[in-house]
Amino acid sequence: MNRDFEPYYAVVFTSTKTENLDGYAEMATAMEALAKQQAGFLGMESARNGIGITVSYWKDLDAIRKWKTQTEHLVAQKSGRNHWYSWYKVRICKVEREYEFSI
């Protein structure tokens, strides 16, 4: 076990999009760039095949709260609800252990 491992948090955003995606790609790119500038941001991974899953990683719950209420992010959230998403779910998880495989 890695004794230097510090738990962190994952925000899992699962979604389905509407057919109206005007401006979506630009906003997604802008939000990823903005998230990377936030204190406590650790990284991001995403995949889409019908349903989309984006996981962002954060140092602590306070960093997540600050991101959730960041002014430009609030605008993006509203646009998402009004235009781009027909459904979404957000889960916040504590990561207490990790491992990986690589060739």
PDB file of N, CA and C in Angstrom:
ATOM      1  N   MET A   1       0.839  -1.188   0.000  1.00  0.00           N
ATOM      2  CA  MET A   1       0.000   0.000   0.000  1.00  0.00           C
ATOM      3  C   MET A   1       0.880   1.247   0.000  1.00  0.00           C
ATOM      4  N   ASN A   2       0.486   2.236  -0.769  1.00  0.00           N
ATOM      5  CA  ASN A   2       1.229   3.481  -0.843  1.00  0.00           C
ATOM      6  C   ASN A   2       0.907   4.348   0.370  1.00  0.00           C
ATOM      7  N   ARG A   3       1.842   4.481   1.284  1.00  0.00           N
ATOM      8  CA  ARG A   3       1.607   5.249   2.504  1.00  0.00           C
ATOM      9  C   ARG A   3       1.600   6.751   2.270  1.00  0.00           C
ATOM     10  N   ASP A   4       2.098   7.209   1.115  1.00  0.00           N
ATOM     11  CA  ASP A   4       2.108   8.633   0.803  1.00  0.00           C
ATOM     12  C   ASP A   4       0.813   9.097   0.131  1.00  0.00           C
ATOM     13  N   PHE A   5      -0.098   8.182  -0.121  1.00  0.00           N
ATOM     14  CA  PHE A   5      -1.332   8.515  -0.830  1.00  0.00           C
ATOM     15  C   PHE A   5      -2.234   9.387   0.041  1.00  0.00           C
ATOM     16  N   GLU A   6      -2.654  10.522  -0.515  1.00  0.00           N
ATOM     17  CA  GLU A   6      -3.601  11.396   0.172  1.00  0.00           C
ATOM     18  C   GLU A   6      -4.950  11.282  -0.530  1.00  0.00           C
ATOM     19  N   PRO A   7      -6.005  10.955   0.209  1.00  0.00           N
ATOM     20  CA  PRO A   7      -7.332  10.895  -0.424  1.00  0.00           C
ATOM     21  C   PRO A   7      -7.670  12.210  -1.113  1.00  0.00           C
ATOM     22  N   TYR A   8      -8.476  12.111  -2.155  1.00  0.00           N
ATOM     23  CA  TYR A   8      -8.947  13.282  -2.892  1.00  0.00           C
ATOM     24  C   TYR A   8     -10.367  12.997  -3.334  1.00  0.00           C
ATOM     25  N   TYR A   9     -10.967  13.912  -4.063  1.00  0.00           N
ATOM     26  CA  TYR A   9     -12.369  13.776  -4.434  1.00  0.00           C
ATOM     27  C   TYR A   9     -12.540  13.753  -5.946  1.00  0.00           C
ATOM     28  N   ALA A  10     -13.545  13.014  -6.378  1.00  0.00           N
ATOM     29  CA  ALA A  10     -13.917  12.948  -7.788  1.00  0.00           C
ATOM     30  C   ALA A  10     -15.352  13.446  -7.928  1.00  0.00           C
ATOM     31  N   VAL A  11     -15.572  14.316  -8.908  1.00  0.00           N
ATOM     32  CA  VAL A  11     -16.920  14.747  -9.263  1.00  0.00           C
ATOM     33  C   VAL A  11     -17.247  14.045 -10.572  1.00  0.00           C
ATOM     34  N   VAL A  12     -18.239  13.161 -10.539  1.00  0.00           N
ATOM     35  CA  VAL A  12     -18.641  12.380 -11.706  1.00  0.00           C
ATOM     36  C   VAL A  12     -19.888  13.033 -12.299  1.00  0.00           C
ATOM     37  N   PHE A  13     -19.747  13.571 -13.506  1.00  0.00           N
ATOM     38  CA  PHE A  13     -20.846  14.236 -14.203  1.00  0.00           C
ATOM     39  C   PHE A  13     -21.263  13.334 -15.357  1.00  0.00           C
ATOM     40  N   THR A  14     -22.441  12.756 -15.253  1.00  0.00           N
ATOM     41  CA  THR A  14     -22.977  11.854 -16.270  1.00  0.00           C
ATOM     42  C   THR A  14     -24.130  12.574 -16.965  1.00  0.00           C
ATOM     43  N   SER A  15     -24.177  12.518 -18.302  1.00  0.00           N
ATOM     44  CA  SER A  15     -25.178  13.332 -19.002  1.00  0.00           C
ATOM     45  C   SER A  15     -25.599  12.737 -20.337  1.00  0.00           C
ATOM     46  N   THR A  16     -26.765  13.198 -20.789  1.00  0.00           N
ATOM     47  CA  THR A  16     -27.193  13.001 -22.167  1.00  0.00           C
ATOM     48  C   THR A  16     -27.483  14.389 -22.739  1.00  0.00           C
ATOM     49  N   LYS A  17     -27.136  14.567 -24.006  1.00  0.00           N
ATOM     50  CA  LYS A  17     -27.283  15.878 -24.650  1.00  0.00           C
ATOM     51  C   LYS A  17     -28.588  15.971 -25.427  1.00  0.00           C
ATOM     52  N   THR A  18     -29.010  17.212 -25.647  1.00  0.00           N
ATOM     53  CA  THR A  18     -30.121  17.483 -26.555  1.00  0.00           C
ATOM     54  C   THR A  18     -29.553  17.544 -27.977  1.00  0.00           C
ATOM     55  N   GLU A  19     -30.401  17.856 -28.927  1.00  0.00           N
ATOM     56  CA  GLU A  19     -29.925  18.035 -30.301  1.00  0.00           C
ATOM     57  C   GLU A  19     -29.394  19.440 -30.542  1.00  0.00           C
ATOM     58  N   ASN A  20     -29.714  20.390 -29.664  1.00  0.00           N
ATOM     59  CA  ASN A  20     -29.258  21.782 -29.790  1.00  0.00           C
ATOM     60  C   ASN A  20     -27.901  21.925 -29.113  1.00  0.00           C
ATOM     61  N   LEU A  21     -26.842  21.827 -29.885  1.00  0.00           N
ATOM     62  CA  LEU A  21     -25.492  21.902 -29.324  1.00  0.00           C
ATOM     63  C   LEU A  21     -24.748  23.164 -29.753  1.00  0.00           C
ATOM     64  N   ASP A  22     -25.493  24.182 -30.195  1.00  0.00           N
ATOM     65  CA  ASP A  22     -24.872  25.446 -30.586  1.00  0.00           C
ATOM     66  C   ASP A  22     -24.095  26.034 -29.412  1.00  0.00           C
ATOM     67  N   GLY A  23     -22.806  26.218 -29.602  1.00  0.00           N
ATOM     68  CA  GLY A  23     -21.962  26.809 -28.574  1.00  0.00           C
ATOM     69  C   GLY A  23     -21.441  25.842 -27.533  1.00  0.00           C
ATOM     70  N   TYR A  24     -21.873  24.586 -27.585  1.00  0.00           N
ATOM     71  CA  TYR A  24     -21.483  23.615 -26.561  1.00  0.00           C
ATOM     72  C   TYR A  24     -19.973  23.345 -26.557  1.00  0.00           C
ATOM     73  N   ALA A  25     -19.415  23.063 -27.707  1.00  0.00           N
ATOM     74  CA  ALA A  25     -17.990  22.705 -27.778  1.00  0.00           C
ATOM     75  C   ALA A  25     -17.120  23.841 -27.266  1.00  0.00           C
ATOM     76  N   GLU A  26     -17.466  25.059 -27.638  1.00  0.00           N
ATOM     77  CA  GLU A  26     -16.692  26.214 -27.185  1.00  0.00           C
ATOM     78  C   GLU A  26     -16.782  26.375 -25.667  1.00  0.00           C
ATOM     79  N   MET A  27     -17.982  26.202 -25.122  1.00  0.00           N
ATOM     80  CA  MET A  27     -18.157  26.336 -23.677  1.00  0.00           C
ATOM     81  C   MET A  27     -17.430  25.216 -22.940  1.00  0.00           C
ATOM     82  N   ALA A  28     -17.491  23.999 -23.454  1.00  0.00           N
ATOM     83  CA  ALA A  28     -16.803  22.877 -22.806  1.00  0.00           C
ATOM     84  C   ALA A  28     -15.298  23.122 -22.768  1.00  0.00           C
ATOM     85  N   THR A  29     -14.744  23.617 -23.863  1.00  0.00           N
ATOM     86  CA  THR A  29     -13.317  23.928 -23.906  1.00  0.00           C
ATOM     87  C   THR A  29     -12.967  25.034 -22.913  1.00  0.00           C
ATOM     88  N   ALA A  30     -13.793  26.061 -22.860  1.00  0.00           N
ATOM     89  CA  ALA A  30     -13.555  27.174 -21.943  1.00  0.00           C
ATOM     90  C   ALA A  30     -13.652  26.714 -20.489  1.00  0.00           C
ATOM     91  N   MET A  31     -14.616  25.851 -20.170  1.00  0.00           N
ATOM     92  CA  MET A  31     -14.786  25.386 -18.786  1.00  0.00           C
ATOM     93  C   MET A  31     -13.633  24.483 -18.356  1.00  0.00           C
ATOM     94  N   GLU A  32     -13.132  23.662 -19.279  1.00  0.00           N
ATOM     95  CA  GLU A  32     -11.978  22.830 -18.934  1.00  0.00           C
ATOM     96  C   GLU A  32     -10.756  23.706 -18.639  1.00  0.00           C
ATOM     97  N   ALA A  33     -10.540  24.710 -19.469  1.00  0.00           N
ATOM     98  CA  ALA A  33      -9.413  25.626 -19.241  1.00  0.00           C
ATOM     99  C   ALA A  33      -9.576  26.371 -17.921  1.00  0.00           C
ATOM    100  N   LEU A  34     -10.783  26.802 -17.616  1.00  0.00           N
ATOM    101  CA  LEU A  34     -11.051  27.528 -16.375  1.00  0.00           C
ATOM    102  C   LEU A  34     -10.885  26.616 -15.160  1.00  0.00           C
ATOM    103  N   ALA A  35     -11.369  25.380 -15.259  1.00  0.00           N
ATOM    104  CA  ALA A  35     -11.231  24.427 -14.143  1.00  0.00           C
ATOM    105  C   ALA A  35      -9.764  24.206 -13.815  1.00  0.00           C
ATOM    106  N   LYS A  36      -8.932  24.116 -14.833  1.00  0.00           N
ATOM    107  CA  LYS A  36      -7.497  23.893 -14.622  1.00  0.00           C
ATOM    108  C   LYS A  36      -6.837  25.032 -13.856  1.00  0.00           C
ATOM    109  N   GLN A  37      -7.450  26.203 -13.856  1.00  0.00           N
ATOM    110  CA  GLN A  37      -6.906  27.360 -13.142  1.00  0.00           C
ATOM    111  C   GLN A  37      -7.354  27.427 -11.676  1.00  0.00           C
ATOM    112  N   GLN A  38      -8.304  26.568 -11.298  1.00  0.00           N
ATOM    113  CA  GLN A  38      -8.879  26.645  -9.958  1.00  0.00           C
ATOM    114  C   GLN A  38      -7.976  25.980  -8.927  1.00  0.00           C
ATOM    115  N   ALA A  39      -7.892  26.597  -7.756  1.00  0.00           N
ATOM    116  CA  ALA A  39      -7.141  26.002  -6.647  1.00  0.00           C
ATOM    117  C   ALA A  39      -7.770  24.658  -6.292  1.00  0.00           C
ATOM    118  N   GLY A  40      -6.943  23.655  -6.133  1.00  0.00           N
ATOM    119  CA  GLY A  40      -7.422  22.331  -5.752  1.00  0.00           C
ATOM    120  C   GLY A  40      -7.785  21.418  -6.904  1.00  0.00           C
ATOM    121  N   PHE A  41      -7.741  21.908  -8.143  1.00  0.00           N
ATOM    122  CA  PHE A  41      -8.034  21.070  -9.307  1.00  0.00           C
ATOM    123  C   PHE A  41      -6.871  20.115  -9.540  1.00  0.00           C
ATOM    124  N   LEU A  42      -7.179  18.832  -9.740  1.00  0.00           N
ATOM    125  CA  LEU A  42      -6.135  17.822  -9.916  1.00  0.00           C
ATOM    126  C   LEU A  42      -6.106  17.201 -11.303  1.00  0.00           C
ATOM    127  N   GLY A  43      -7.224  17.241 -12.033  1.00  0.00           N
ATOM    128  CA  GLY A  43      -7.256  16.633 -13.358  1.00  0.00           C
ATOM    129  C   GLY A  43      -8.663  16.348 -13.817  1.00  0.00           C
ATOM    130  N   MET A  44      -8.762  15.820 -15.055  1.00  0.00           N
ATOM    131  CA  MET A  44     -10.070  15.555 -15.635  1.00  0.00           C
ATOM    132  C   MET A  44      -9.952  14.448 -16.672  1.00  0.00           C
ATOM    133  N   GLU A  45     -10.984  13.620 -16.755  1.00  0.00           N
ATOM    134  CA  GLU A  45     -11.095  12.576 -17.774  1.00  0.00           C
ATOM    135  C   GLU A  45     -12.538  12.562 -18.263  1.00  0.00           C
ATOM    136  N   SER A  46     -12.733  12.272 -19.558  1.00  0.00           N
ATOM    137  CA  SER A  46     -14.102  12.191 -20.052  1.00  0.00           C
ATOM    138  C   SER A  46     -14.211  11.223 -21.217  1.00  0.00           C
ATOM    139  N   ALA A  47     -15.438  10.740 -21.414  1.00  0.00           N
ATOM    140  CA  ALA A  47     -15.752   9.829 -22.514  1.00  0.00           C
ATOM    141  C   ALA A  47     -17.213  10.026 -22.890  1.00  0.00           C
ATOM    142  N   ARG A  48     -17.524   9.810 -24.164  1.00  0.00           N
ATOM    143  CA  ARG A  48     -18.914   9.927 -24.597  1.00  0.00           C
ATOM    144  C   ARG A  48     -19.173   8.891 -25.677  1.00  0.00           C
ATOM    145  N   ASN A  49     -20.244   8.151 -25.474  1.00  0.00           N
ATOM    146  CA  ASN A  49     -20.755   7.223 -26.470  1.00  0.00           C
ATOM    147  C   ASN A  49     -22.248   7.122 -26.195  1.00  0.00           C
ATOM    148  N   GLY A  50     -22.977   8.122 -26.645  1.00  0.00           N
ATOM    149  CA  GLY A  50     -24.395   8.223 -26.298  1.00  0.00           C
ATOM    150  C   GLY A  50     -24.550   8.943 -24.972  1.00  0.00           C
ATOM    151  N   ILE A  51     -24.130   8.304 -23.911  1.00  0.00           N
ATOM    152  CA  ILE A  51     -24.113   8.933 -22.594  1.00  0.00           C
ATOM    153  C   ILE A  51     -22.702   9.454 -22.345  1.00  0.00           C
ATOM    154  N   GLY A  52     -22.600  10.614 -21.750  1.00  0.00           N
ATOM    155  CA  GLY A  52     -21.291  11.200 -21.482  1.00  0.00           C
ATOM    156  C   GLY A  52     -20.932  11.080 -20.016  1.00  0.00           C
ATOM    157  N   ILE A  53     -19.667  10.869 -19.755  1.00  0.00           N
ATOM    158  CA  ILE A  53     -19.160  10.820 -18.386  1.00  0.00           C
ATOM    159  C   ILE A  53     -17.901  11.672 -18.323  1.00  0.00           C
ATOM    160  N   THR A  54     -17.937  12.667 -17.472  1.00  0.00           N
ATOM    161  CA  THR A  54     -16.759  13.488 -17.211  1.00  0.00           C
ATOM    162  C   THR A  54     -16.465  13.395 -15.729  1.00  0.00           C
ATOM    163  N   VAL A  55     -15.233  13.072 -15.407  1.00  0.00           N
ATOM    164  CA  VAL A  55     -14.813  12.978 -14.012  1.00  0.00           C
ATOM    165  C   VAL A  55     -13.729  14.027 -13.801  1.00  0.00           C
ATOM    166  N   SER A  56     -13.990  14.933 -12.865  1.00  0.00           N
ATOM    167  CA  SER A  56     -12.952  15.895 -12.487  1.00  0.00           C
ATOM    168  C   SER A  56     -12.479  15.545 -11.087  1.00  0.00           C
ATOM    169  N   TYR A  57     -11.211  15.794 -10.833  1.00  0.00           N
ATOM    170  CA  TYR A  57     -10.586  15.400  -9.573  1.00  0.00           C
ATOM    171  C   TYR A  57     -10.159  16.651  -8.817  1.00  0.00           C
ATOM    172  N   TRP A  58     -10.418  16.642  -7.492  1.00  0.00           N
ATOM    173  CA  TRP A  58     -10.203  17.817  -6.663  1.00  0.00           C
ATOM    174  C   TRP A  58      -9.542  17.441  -5.347  1.00  0.00           C
ATOM    175  N   LYS A  59      -8.766  18.355  -4.819  1.00  0.00           N
ATOM    176  CA  LYS A  59      -8.044  18.131  -3.572  1.00  0.00           C
ATOM    177  C   LYS A  59      -8.991  17.927  -2.387  1.00  0.00           C
ATOM    178  N   ASP A  60     -10.073  18.721  -2.320  1.00  0.00           N
ATOM    179  CA  ASP A  60     -10.971  18.640  -1.168  1.00  0.00           C
ATOM    180  C   ASP A  60     -12.359  19.163  -1.535  1.00  0.00           C
ATOM    181  N   LEU A  61     -13.289  19.015  -0.597  1.00  0.00           N
ATOM    182  CA  LEU A  61     -14.666  19.443  -0.831  1.00  0.00           C
ATOM    183  C   LEU A  61     -14.779  20.956  -0.983  1.00  0.00           C
ATOM    184  N   ASP A  62     -13.936  21.705  -0.311  1.00  0.00           N
ATOM    185  CA  ASP A  62     -13.962  23.159  -0.430  1.00  0.00           C
ATOM    186  C   ASP A  62     -13.633  23.589  -1.860  1.00  0.00           C
ATOM    187  N   ALA A  63     -12.669  22.955  -2.483  1.00  0.00           N
ATOM    188  CA  ALA A  63     -12.327  23.272  -3.873  1.00  0.00           C
ATOM    189  C   ALA A  63     -13.511  22.983  -4.797  1.00  0.00           C
ATOM    190  N   ILE A  64     -14.224  21.899  -4.538  1.00  0.00           N
ATOM    191  CA  ILE A  64     -15.406  21.554  -5.345  1.00  0.00           C
ATOM    192  C   ILE A  64     -16.490  22.612  -5.157  1.00  0.00           C
ATOM    193  N   ARG A  65     -16.735  23.026  -3.920  1.00  0.00           N
ATOM    194  CA  ARG A  65     -17.737  24.062  -3.647  1.00  0.00           C
ATOM    195  C   ARG A  65     -17.402  25.368  -4.377  1.00  0.00           C
ATOM    196  N   LYS A  66     -16.139  25.741  -4.337  1.00  0.00           N
ATOM    197  CA  LYS A  66     -15.730  26.978  -5.006  1.00  0.00           C
ATOM    198  C   LYS A  66     -15.916  26.873  -6.515  1.00  0.00           C
ATOM    199  N   TRP A  67     -15.616  25.722  -7.094  1.00  0.00           N
ATOM    200  CA  TRP A  67     -15.813  25.523  -8.535  1.00  0.00           C
ATOM    201  C   TRP A  67     -17.298  25.568  -8.876  1.00  0.00           C
ATOM    202  N   LYS A  68     -18.123  24.931  -8.067  1.00  0.00           N
ATOM    203  CA  LYS A  68     -19.570  24.897  -8.304  1.00  0.00           C
ATOM    204  C   LYS A  68     -20.155  26.308  -8.355  1.00  0.00           C
ATOM    205  N   THR A  69     -19.600  27.231  -7.561  1.00  0.00           N
ATOM    206  CA  THR A  69     -20.153  28.581  -7.473  1.00  0.00           C
ATOM    207  C   THR A  69     -19.308  29.623  -8.215  1.00  0.00           C
ATOM    208  N   GLN A  70     -18.327  29.195  -8.987  1.00  0.00           N
ATOM    209  CA  GLN A  70     -17.503  30.111  -9.771  1.00  0.00           C
ATOM    210  C   GLN A  70     -18.406  30.784 -10.811  1.00  0.00           C
ATOM    211  N   THR A  71     -18.314  32.090 -10.948  1.00  0.00           N
ATOM    212  CA  THR A  71     -19.253  32.878 -11.750  1.00  0.00           C
ATOM    213  C   THR A  71     -19.406  32.376 -13.185  1.00  0.00           C
ATOM    214  N   GLU A  72     -18.310  32.185 -13.897  1.00  0.00           N
ATOM    215  CA  GLU A  72     -18.406  31.722 -15.288  1.00  0.00           C
ATOM    216  C   GLU A  72     -18.948  30.296 -15.373  1.00  0.00           C
ATOM    217  N   HIS A  73     -18.634  29.480 -14.385  1.00  0.00           N
ATOM    218  CA  HIS A  73     -19.152  28.120 -14.343  1.00  0.00           C
ATOM    219  C   HIS A  73     -20.658  28.132 -14.107  1.00  0.00           C
ATOM    220  N   LEU A  74     -21.153  29.065 -13.288  1.00  0.00           N
ATOM    221  CA  LEU A  74     -22.600  29.195 -13.073  1.00  0.00           C
ATOM    222  C   LEU A  74     -23.320  29.502 -14.383  1.00  0.00           C
ATOM    223  N   VAL A  75     -22.723  30.350 -15.217  1.00  0.00           N
ATOM    224  CA  VAL A  75     -23.299  30.675 -16.529  1.00  0.00           C
ATOM    225  C   VAL A  75     -23.346  29.419 -17.398  1.00  0.00           C
ATOM    226  N   ALA A  76     -22.270  28.657 -17.400  1.00  0.00           N
ATOM    227  CA  ALA A  76     -22.215  27.420 -18.189  1.00  0.00           C
ATOM    228  C   ALA A  76     -23.256  26.413 -17.699  1.00  0.00           C
ATOM    229  N   GLN A  77     -23.410  26.300 -16.379  1.00  0.00           N
ATOM    230  CA  GLN A  77     -24.406  25.379 -15.826  1.00  0.00           C
ATOM    231  C   GLN A  77     -25.818  25.746 -16.298  1.00  0.00           C
ATOM    232  N   LYS A  78     -26.123  27.030 -16.265  1.00  0.00           N
ATOM    233  CA  LYS A  78     -27.447  27.488 -16.704  1.00  0.00           C
ATOM    234  C   LYS A  78     -27.661  27.182 -18.186  1.00  0.00           C
ATOM    235  N   SER A  79     -26.653  27.454 -19.008  1.00  0.00           N
ATOM    236  CA  SER A  79     -26.755  27.146 -20.439  1.00  0.00           C
ATOM    237  C   SER A  79     -26.949  25.650 -20.658  1.00  0.00           C
ATOM    238  N   GLY A  80     -26.242  24.842 -19.869  1.00  0.00           N
ATOM    239  CA  GLY A  80     -26.392  23.393 -19.982  1.00  0.00           C
ATOM    240  C   GLY A  80     -27.814  22.951 -19.704  1.00  0.00           C
ATOM    241  N   ARG A  81     -28.387  23.474 -18.632  1.00  0.00           N
ATOM    242  CA  ARG A  81     -29.777  23.112 -18.285  1.00  0.00           C
ATOM    243  C   ARG A  81     -30.768  23.625 -19.329  1.00  0.00           C
ATOM    244  N   ASN A  82     -30.531  24.827 -19.846  1.00  0.00           N
ATOM    245  CA  ASN A  82     -31.484  25.442 -20.777  1.00  0.00           C
ATOM    246  C   ASN A  82     -31.353  24.960 -22.215  1.00  0.00           C
ATOM    247  N   HIS A  83     -30.168  24.462 -22.605  1.00  0.00           N
ATOM    248  CA  HIS A  83     -29.947  24.172 -24.019  1.00  0.00           C
ATOM    249  C   HIS A  83     -29.351  22.799 -24.322  1.00  0.00           C
ATOM    250  N   TRP A  84     -28.303  22.393 -23.618  1.00  0.00           N
ATOM    251  CA  TRP A  84     -27.476  21.291 -24.090  1.00  0.00           C
ATOM    252  C   TRP A  84     -27.765  19.933 -23.479  1.00  0.00           C
ATOM    253  N   TYR A  85     -28.330  19.874 -22.296  1.00  0.00           N
ATOM    254  CA  TYR A  85     -28.539  18.588 -21.633  1.00  0.00           C
ATOM    255  C   TYR A  85     -30.023  18.279 -21.479  1.00  0.00           C
ATOM    256  N   SER A  86     -30.377  17.047 -21.804  1.00  0.00           N
ATOM    257  CA  SER A  86     -31.737  16.584 -21.530  1.00  0.00           C
ATOM    258  C   SER A  86     -31.794  15.909 -20.159  1.00  0.00           C
ATOM    259  N   TRP A  87     -30.629  15.506 -19.667  1.00  0.00           N
ATOM    260  CA  TRP A  87     -30.530  14.867 -18.351  1.00  0.00           C
ATOM    261  C   TRP A  87     -29.084  14.909 -17.892  1.00  0.00           C
ATOM    262  N   TYR A  88     -28.889  15.054 -16.584  1.00  0.00           N
ATOM    263  CA  TYR A  88     -27.558  14.861 -16.015  1.00  0.00           C
ATOM    264  C   TYR A  88     -27.664  14.479 -14.549  1.00  0.00           C
ATOM    265  N   LYS A  89     -26.597  13.892 -14.060  1.00  0.00           N
ATOM    266  CA  LYS A  89     -26.489  13.525 -12.653  1.00  0.00           C
ATOM    267  C   LYS A  89     -25.062  13.821 -12.225  1.00  0.00           C
ATOM    268  N   VAL A  90     -24.916  14.346 -11.005  1.00  0.00           N
ATOM    269  CA  VAL A  90     -23.603  14.654 -10.449  1.00  0.00           C
ATOM    270  C   VAL A  90     -23.419  13.807  -9.194  1.00  0.00           C
ATOM    271  N   ARG A  91     -22.272  13.165  -9.116  1.00  0.00           N
ATOM    272  CA  ARG A  91     -21.915  12.383  -7.928  1.00  0.00           C
ATOM    273  C   ARG A  91     -20.570  12.892  -7.421  1.00  0.00           C
ATOM    274  N   ILE A  92     -20.453  13.040  -6.118  1.00  0.00           N
ATOM    275  CA  ILE A  92     -19.189  13.457  -5.522  1.00  0.00           C
ATOM    276  C   ILE A  92     -18.695  12.302  -4.664  1.00  0.00           C
ATOM    277  N   CYS A  93     -17.493  11.852  -4.950  1.00  0.00           N
ATOM    278  CA  CYS A  93     -16.949  10.644  -4.335  1.00  0.00           C
ATOM    279  C   CYS A  93     -15.581  10.919  -3.716  1.00  0.00           C
ATOM    280  N   LYS A  94     -15.308  10.290  -2.611  1.00  0.00           N
ATOM    281  CA  LYS A  94     -13.983  10.378  -2.003  1.00  0.00           C
ATOM    282  C   LYS A  94     -13.158   9.197  -2.504  1.00  0.00           C
ATOM    283  N   VAL A  95     -11.982   9.500  -3.033  1.00  0.00           N
ATOM    284  CA  VAL A  95     -11.077   8.466  -3.538  1.00  0.00           C
ATOM    285  C   VAL A  95     -10.066   8.185  -2.437  1.00  0.00           C
ATOM    286  N   GLU A  96     -10.134   6.981  -1.906  1.00  0.00           N
ATOM    287  CA  GLU A  96      -9.249   6.607  -0.801  1.00  0.00           C
ATOM    288  C   GLU A  96      -8.098   5.723  -1.225  1.00  0.00           C
ATOM    289  N   ARG A  97      -8.214   5.196  -2.443  1.00  0.00           N
ATOM    290  CA  ARG A  97      -7.171   4.313  -2.955  1.00  0.00           C
ATOM    291  C   ARG A  97      -7.250   4.318  -4.463  1.00  0.00           C
ATOM    292  N   GLU A  98      -6.112   4.124  -5.109  1.00  0.00           N
ATOM    293  CA  GLU A  98      -6.090   4.008  -6.564  1.00  0.00           C
ATOM    294  C   GLU A  98      -4.966   3.085  -6.989  1.00  0.00           C
ATOM    295  N   TYR A  99      -5.131   2.509  -8.160  1.00  0.00           N
ATOM    296  CA  TYR A  99      -4.058   1.735  -8.782  1.00  0.00           C
ATOM    297  C   TYR A  99      -4.314   1.735 -10.262  1.00  0.00           C
ATOM    298  N   GLU A 100      -3.309   1.383 -11.042  1.00  0.00           N
ATOM    299  CA  GLU A 100      -3.459   1.376 -12.484  1.00  0.00           C
ATOM    300  C   GLU A 100      -2.586   0.314 -13.123  1.00  0.00           C
ATOM    301  N   PHE A 101      -2.870   0.032 -14.381  1.00  0.00           N
ATOM    302  CA  PHE A 101      -2.087  -0.886 -15.190  1.00  0.00           C
ATOM    303  C   PHE A 101      -1.670  -0.137 -16.438  1.00  0.00           C
ATOM    304  N   SER A 102      -0.473  -0.377 -16.906  1.00  0.00           N
ATOM    305  CA  SER A 102       0.010   0.239 -18.131  1.00  0.00           C
ATOM    306  C   SER A 102       1.041  -0.670 -18.771  1.00  0.00           C
ATOM    307  N   ILE A 103       1.039  -0.750 -20.072  1.00  0.00           N
ATOM    308  CA  ILE A 103       2.039  -1.527 -20.805  1.00  0.00           C
ATOM    309  C   ILE A 103       3.175  -0.613 -21.191  1.00  0.00           C
TER     310      ILE A 103
END
